[in-house]
Amino acid sequence: MDTYLITIGLILCIALFGIAVQRIYEGFARRHPELGPFRETGKCGSCGGGGACSGGSCDTPR
């Protein structure tokens, strides 16, 4: 039973840590717009993805 509770607590801590890192990254991207656009996790990867997706968030109007 102890192992079960420790495992649940550990998974919860890892999930909360991931959320905290995401919030820190969003805040950093807002404070430093000169470093490029914020890339949301729901969109396809980075601009240098090599055509992993079509019509990605990095397309610029011509």
PDB file of N, CA and C in Angstrom:
ATOM      1  N   MET A   1       0.825  -1.195   0.000  1.00  0.00           N
ATOM      2  CA  MET A   1       0.000   0.000   0.000  1.00  0.00           C
ATOM      3  C   MET A   1       0.866   1.254   0.000  1.00  0.00           C
ATOM      4  N   ASP A   2       1.988   1.212   0.719  1.00  0.00           N
ATOM      5  CA  ASP A   2       2.877   2.370   0.763  1.00  0.00           C
ATOM      6  C   ASP A   2       3.442   2.675  -0.621  1.00  0.00           C
ATOM      7  N   THR A   3       3.817   1.627  -1.346  1.00  0.00           N
ATOM      8  CA  THR A   3       4.359   1.807  -2.696  1.00  0.00           C
ATOM      9  C   THR A   3       3.329   2.462  -3.606  1.00  0.00           C
ATOM     10  N   TYR A   4       2.074   2.059  -3.468  1.00  0.00           N
ATOM     11  CA  TYR A   4       0.983   2.610  -4.268  1.00  0.00           C
ATOM     12  C   TYR A   4       0.829   4.109  -4.002  1.00  0.00           C
ATOM     13  N   LEU A   5       0.809   4.502  -2.741  1.00  0.00           N
ATOM     14  CA  LEU A   5       0.649   5.922  -2.398  1.00  0.00           C
ATOM     15  C   LEU A   5       1.864   6.743  -2.817  1.00  0.00           C
ATOM     16  N   ILE A   6       3.052   6.194  -2.669  1.00  0.00           N
ATOM     17  CA  ILE A   6       4.262   6.897  -3.103  1.00  0.00           C
ATOM     18  C   ILE A   6       4.241   7.092  -4.611  1.00  0.00           C
ATOM     19  N   THR A   7       3.805   6.073  -5.344  1.00  0.00           N
ATOM     20  CA  THR A   7       3.743   6.168  -6.804  1.00  0.00           C
ATOM     21  C   THR A   7       2.746   7.235  -7.243  1.00  0.00           C
ATOM     22  N   ILE A   8       1.586   7.254  -6.628  1.00  0.00           N
ATOM     23  CA  ILE A   8       0.581   8.274  -6.959  1.00  0.00           C
ATOM     24  C   ILE A   8       1.127   9.667  -6.650  1.00  0.00           C
ATOM     25  N   GLY A   9       1.759   9.830  -5.510  1.00  0.00           N
ATOM     26  CA  GLY A   9       2.339  11.125  -5.150  1.00  0.00           C
ATOM     27  C   GLY A   9       3.435  11.548  -6.102  1.00  0.00           C
ATOM     28  N   LEU A  10       4.258  10.601  -6.519  1.00  0.00           N
ATOM     29  CA  LEU A  10       5.341  10.906  -7.447  1.00  0.00           C
ATOM     30  C   LEU A  10       4.802  11.327  -8.813  1.00  0.00           C
ATOM     31  N   ILE A  11       3.792  10.626  -9.292  1.00  0.00           N
ATOM     32  CA  ILE A  11       3.187  10.995 -10.582  1.00  0.00           C
ATOM     33  C   ILE A  11       2.559  12.379 -10.492  1.00  0.00           C
ATOM     34  N   LEU A  12       1.892  12.672  -9.402  1.00  0.00           N
ATOM     35  CA  LEU A  12       1.299  14.001  -9.210  1.00  0.00           C
ATOM     36  C   LEU A  12       2.371  15.084  -9.189  1.00  0.00           C
ATOM     37  N   CYS A  13       3.467  14.841  -8.497  1.00  0.00           N
ATOM     38  CA  CYS A  13       4.567  15.819  -8.438  1.00  0.00           C
ATOM     39  C   CYS A  13       5.187  16.051  -9.811  1.00  0.00           C
ATOM     40  N   ILE A  14       5.363  14.992 -10.573  1.00  0.00           N
ATOM     41  CA  ILE A  14       5.934  15.130 -11.920  1.00  0.00           C
ATOM     42  C   ILE A  14       4.994  15.929 -12.816  1.00  0.00           C
ATOM     43  N   ALA A  15       3.692  15.661 -12.723  1.00  0.00           N
ATOM     44  CA  ALA A  15       2.722  16.404 -13.532  1.00  0.00           C
ATOM     45  C   ALA A  15       2.707  17.885 -13.143  1.00  0.00           C
ATOM     46  N   LEU A  16       2.716  18.168 -11.855  1.00  0.00           N
ATOM     47  CA  LEU A  16       2.719  19.564 -11.405  1.00  0.00           C
ATOM     48  C   LEU A  16       4.006  20.274 -11.797  1.00  0.00           C
ATOM     49  N   PHE A  17       5.128  19.564 -11.753  1.00  0.00           N
ATOM     50  CA  PHE A  17       6.395  20.141 -12.185  1.00  0.00           C
ATOM     51  C   PHE A  17       6.344  20.481 -13.680  1.00  0.00           C
ATOM     52  N   GLY A  18       5.752  19.615 -14.486  1.00  0.00           N
ATOM     53  CA  GLY A  18       5.621  19.882 -15.917  1.00  0.00           C
ATOM     54  C   GLY A  18       4.759  21.103 -16.186  1.00  0.00           C
ATOM     55  N   ILE A  19       3.684  21.247 -15.439  1.00  0.00           N
ATOM     56  CA  ILE A  19       2.818  22.423 -15.591  1.00  0.00           C
ATOM     57  C   ILE A  19       3.574  23.685 -15.189  1.00  0.00           C
ATOM     58  N   ALA A  20       4.342  23.615 -14.121  1.00  0.00           N
ATOM     59  CA  ALA A  20       5.109  24.780 -13.668  1.00  0.00           C
ATOM     60  C   ALA A  20       6.150  25.185 -14.707  1.00  0.00           C
ATOM     61  N   VAL A  21       6.836  24.224 -15.302  1.00  0.00           N
ATOM     62  CA  VAL A  21       7.825  24.530 -16.337  1.00  0.00           C
ATOM     63  C   VAL A  21       7.151  25.174 -17.541  1.00  0.00           C
ATOM     64  N   GLN A  22       5.975  24.677 -17.932  1.00  0.00           N
ATOM     65  CA  GLN A  22       5.235  25.257 -19.058  1.00  0.00           C
ATOM     66  C   GLN A  22       4.864  26.708 -18.769  1.00  0.00           C
ATOM     67  N   ARG A  23       4.404  27.006 -17.558  1.00  0.00           N
ATOM     68  CA  ARG A  23       4.041  28.377 -17.182  1.00  0.00           C
ATOM     69  C   ARG A  23       5.265  29.292 -17.188  1.00  0.00           C
ATOM     70  N   ILE A  24       6.384  28.799 -16.694  1.00  0.00           N
ATOM     71  CA  ILE A  24       7.618  29.590 -16.700  1.00  0.00           C
ATOM     72  C   ILE A  24       8.032  29.892 -18.139  1.00  0.00           C
ATOM     73  N   TYR A  25       7.940  28.899 -19.020  1.00  0.00           N
ATOM     74  CA  TYR A  25       8.293  29.088 -20.425  1.00  0.00           C
ATOM     75  C   TYR A  25       7.375  30.108 -21.087  1.00  0.00           C
ATOM     76  N   GLU A  26       6.083  30.033 -20.815  1.00  0.00           N
ATOM     77  CA  GLU A  26       5.148  31.002 -21.394  1.00  0.00           C
ATOM     78  C   GLU A  26       5.469  32.419 -20.927  1.00  0.00           C
ATOM     79  N   GLY A  27       5.760  32.581 -19.646  1.00  0.00           N
ATOM     80  CA  GLY A  27       6.107  33.900 -19.120  1.00  0.00           C
ATOM     81  C   GLY A  27       7.396  34.429 -19.722  1.00  0.00           C
ATOM     82  N   PHE A  28       8.384  33.564 -19.870  1.00  0.00           N
ATOM     83  CA  PHE A  28       9.653  33.970 -20.476  1.00  0.00           C
ATOM     84  C   PHE A  28       9.441  34.402 -21.922  1.00  0.00           C
ATOM     85  N   ALA A  29       8.636  33.653 -22.670  1.00  0.00           N
ATOM     86  CA  ALA A  29       8.373  33.995 -24.066  1.00  0.00           C
ATOM     87  C   ALA A  29       7.632  35.323 -24.171  1.00  0.00           C
ATOM     88  N   ARG A  30       6.735  35.610 -23.216  1.00  0.00           N
ATOM     89  CA  ARG A  30       6.026  36.897 -23.232  1.00  0.00           C
ATOM     90  C   ARG A  30       6.961  38.053 -22.926  1.00  0.00           C
ATOM     91  N   ARG A  31       7.902  37.852 -22.007  1.00  0.00           N
ATOM     92  CA  ARG A  31       8.827  38.929 -21.630  1.00  0.00           C
ATOM     93  C   ARG A  31       9.933  39.152 -22.650  1.00  0.00           C
ATOM     94  N   HIS A  32      10.184  38.190 -23.516  1.00  0.00           N
ATOM     95  CA  HIS A  32      11.268  38.290 -24.493  1.00  0.00           C
ATOM     96  C   HIS A  32      10.758  37.993 -25.906  1.00  0.00           C
ATOM     97  N   PRO A  33       9.943  38.884 -26.469  1.00  0.00           N
ATOM     98  CA  PRO A  33       9.394  38.628 -27.810  1.00  0.00           C
ATOM     99  C   PRO A  33      10.460  38.663 -28.904  1.00  0.00           C
ATOM    100  N   GLU A  34      11.614  39.255 -28.622  1.00  0.00           N
ATOM    101  CA  GLU A  34      12.671  39.333 -29.632  1.00  0.00           C
ATOM    102  C   GLU A  34      13.287  37.962 -29.925  1.00  0.00           C
ATOM    103  N   LEU A  35      13.032  36.984 -29.095  1.00  0.00           N
ATOM    104  CA  LEU A  35      13.583  35.641 -29.295  1.00  0.00           C
ATOM    105  C   LEU A  35      12.702  34.769 -30.188  1.00  0.00           C
ATOM    106  N   GLY A  36      11.602  35.306 -30.662  1.00  0.00           N
ATOM    107  CA  GLY A  36      10.737  34.556 -31.563  1.00  0.00           C
ATOM    108  C   GLY A  36       9.387  34.285 -30.930  1.00  0.00           C
ATOM    109  N   PRO A  37       8.473  33.748 -31.734  1.00  0.00           N
ATOM    110  CA  PRO A  37       7.112  33.529 -31.238  1.00  0.00           C
ATOM    111  C   PRO A  37       7.040  32.354 -30.271  1.00  0.00           C
ATOM    112  N   PHE A  38       6.077  32.425 -29.377  1.00  0.00           N
ATOM    113  CA  PHE A  38       5.792  31.320 -28.469  1.00  0.00           C
ATOM    114  C   PHE A  38       5.184  30.184 -29.265  1.00  0.00           C
ATOM    115  N   ARG A  39       5.682  28.994 -29.075  1.00  0.00           N
ATOM    116  CA  ARG A  39       5.158  27.835 -29.810  1.00  0.00           C
ATOM    117  C   ARG A  39       4.277  27.013 -28.878  1.00  0.00           C
ATOM    118  N   GLU A  40       2.990  26.996 -29.180  1.00  0.00           N
ATOM    119  CA  GLU A  40       2.050  26.273 -28.347  1.00  0.00           C
ATOM    120  C   GLU A  40       2.237  24.771 -28.526  1.00  0.00           C
ATOM    121  N   THR A  41       1.950  24.025 -27.484  1.00  0.00           N
ATOM    122  CA  THR A  41       2.156  22.584 -27.528  1.00  0.00           C
ATOM    123  C   THR A  41       1.153  21.886 -28.444  1.00  0.00           C
ATOM    124  N   GLY A  42       0.003  22.483 -28.707  1.00  0.00           N
ATOM    125  CA  GLY A  42      -0.996  21.855 -29.553  1.00  0.00           C
ATOM    126  C   GLY A  42      -0.675  21.945 -31.028  1.00  0.00           C
ATOM    127  N   LYS A  43       0.259  22.790 -31.392  1.00  0.00           N
ATOM    128  CA  LYS A  43       0.618  22.964 -32.792  1.00  0.00           C
ATOM    129  C   LYS A  43       1.761  22.041 -33.154  1.00  0.00           C
ATOM    130  N   CYS A  44       2.068  21.970 -34.447  1.00  0.00           N
ATOM    131  CA  CYS A  44       3.185  21.139 -34.893  1.00  0.00           C
ATOM    132  C   CYS A  44       4.489  21.704 -34.347  1.00  0.00           C
ATOM    133  N   GLY A  45       5.546  20.919 -34.411  1.00  0.00           N
ATOM    134  CA  GLY A  45       6.828  21.244 -33.800  1.00  0.00           C
ATOM    135  C   GLY A  45       7.404  22.582 -34.183  1.00  0.00           C
ATOM    136  N   SER A  46       8.690  22.694 -34.147  1.00  0.00           N
ATOM    137  CA  SER A  46       9.356  23.965 -34.384  1.00  0.00           C
ATOM    138  C   SER A  46       9.410  24.295 -35.865  1.00  0.00           C
ATOM    139  N   CYS A  47       9.837  25.512 -36.175  1.00  0.00           N
ATOM    140  CA  CYS A  47       9.922  25.968 -37.562  1.00  0.00           C
ATOM    141  C   CYS A  47      10.938  25.155 -38.352  1.00  0.00           C
ATOM    142  N   GLY A  48      11.952  24.635 -37.705  1.00  0.00           N
ATOM    143  CA  GLY A  48      12.980  23.863 -38.393  1.00  0.00           C
ATOM    144  C   GLY A  48      12.662  22.387 -38.447  1.00  0.00           C
ATOM    145  N   GLY A  49      11.385  22.031 -38.359  1.00  0.00           N
ATOM    146  CA  GLY A  49      10.979  20.636 -38.310  1.00  0.00           C
ATOM    147  C   GLY A  49      11.184  19.880 -39.596  1.00  0.00           C
ATOM    148  N   GLY A  50      11.516  20.557 -40.680  1.00  0.00           N
ATOM    149  CA  GLY A  50      11.761  19.865 -41.933  1.00  0.00           C
ATOM    150  C   GLY A  50      10.509  19.346 -42.596  1.00  0.00           C
ATOM    151  N   GLY A  51       9.436  20.105 -42.578  1.00  0.00           N
ATOM    152  CA  GLY A  51       8.215  19.704 -43.268  1.00  0.00           C
ATOM    153  C   GLY A  51       7.427  18.634 -42.534  1.00  0.00           C
ATOM    154  N   ALA A  52       7.510  18.613 -41.231  1.00  0.00           N
ATOM    155  CA  ALA A  52       6.776  17.616 -40.459  1.00  0.00           C
ATOM    156  C   ALA A  52       5.271  17.843 -40.545  1.00  0.00           C
ATOM    157  N   CYS A  53       4.873  19.102 -40.769  1.00  0.00           N
ATOM    158  CA  CYS A  53       3.462  19.388 -40.911  1.00  0.00           C
ATOM    159  C   CYS A  53       3.258  20.477 -41.951  1.00  0.00           C
ATOM    160  N   SER A  54       2.095  20.481 -42.529  1.00  0.00           N
ATOM    161  CA  SER A  54       1.815  21.503 -43.540  1.00  0.00           C
ATOM    162  C   SER A  54       1.003  22.633 -42.905  1.00  0.00           C
ATOM    163  N   GLY A  55       1.304  23.848 -43.314  1.00  0.00           N
ATOM    164  CA  GLY A  55       0.575  25.003 -42.785  1.00  0.00           C
ATOM    165  C   GLY A  55       0.831  25.223 -41.311  1.00  0.00           C
ATOM    166  N   GLY A  56       2.062  25.080 -40.900  1.00  0.00           N
ATOM    167  CA  GLY A  56       2.419  25.207 -39.484  1.00  0.00           C
ATOM    168  C   GLY A  56       2.311  26.626 -38.970  1.00  0.00           C
ATOM    169  N   SER A  57       2.640  26.804 -37.729  1.00  0.00           N
ATOM    170  CA  SER A  57       2.521  28.109 -37.087  1.00  0.00           C
ATOM    171  C   SER A  57       3.623  29.065 -37.510  1.00  0.00           C
ATOM    172  N   CYS A  58       4.618  28.585 -38.263  1.00  0.00           N
ATOM    173  CA  CYS A  58       5.743  29.425 -38.630  1.00  0.00           C
ATOM    174  C   CYS A  58       5.601  29.991 -40.040  1.00  0.00           C
ATOM    175  N   ASP A  59       4.521  29.698 -40.726  1.00  0.00           N
ATOM    176  CA  ASP A  59       4.329  30.233 -42.069  1.00  0.00           C
ATOM    177  C   ASP A  59       4.120  31.737 -41.999  1.00  0.00           C
ATOM    178  N   THR A  60       4.748  32.452 -42.919  1.00  0.00           N
ATOM    179  CA  THR A  60       4.579  33.891 -42.968  1.00  0.00           C
ATOM    180  C   THR A  60       3.839  34.255 -44.247  1.00  0.00           C
ATOM    181  N   PRO A  61       2.961  35.258 -44.183  1.00  0.00           N
ATOM    182  CA  PRO A  61       2.242  35.668 -45.388  1.00  0.00           C
ATOM    183  C   PRO A  61       3.207  36.286 -46.389  1.00  0.00           C
ATOM    184  N   ARG A  62       2.976  36.022 -47.654  1.00  0.00           N
ATOM    185  CA  ARG A  62       3.862  36.549 -48.690  1.00  0.00           C
ATOM    186  C   ARG A  62       3.260  37.698 -49.420  1.00  0.00           C
TER     187      ARG A  62
END
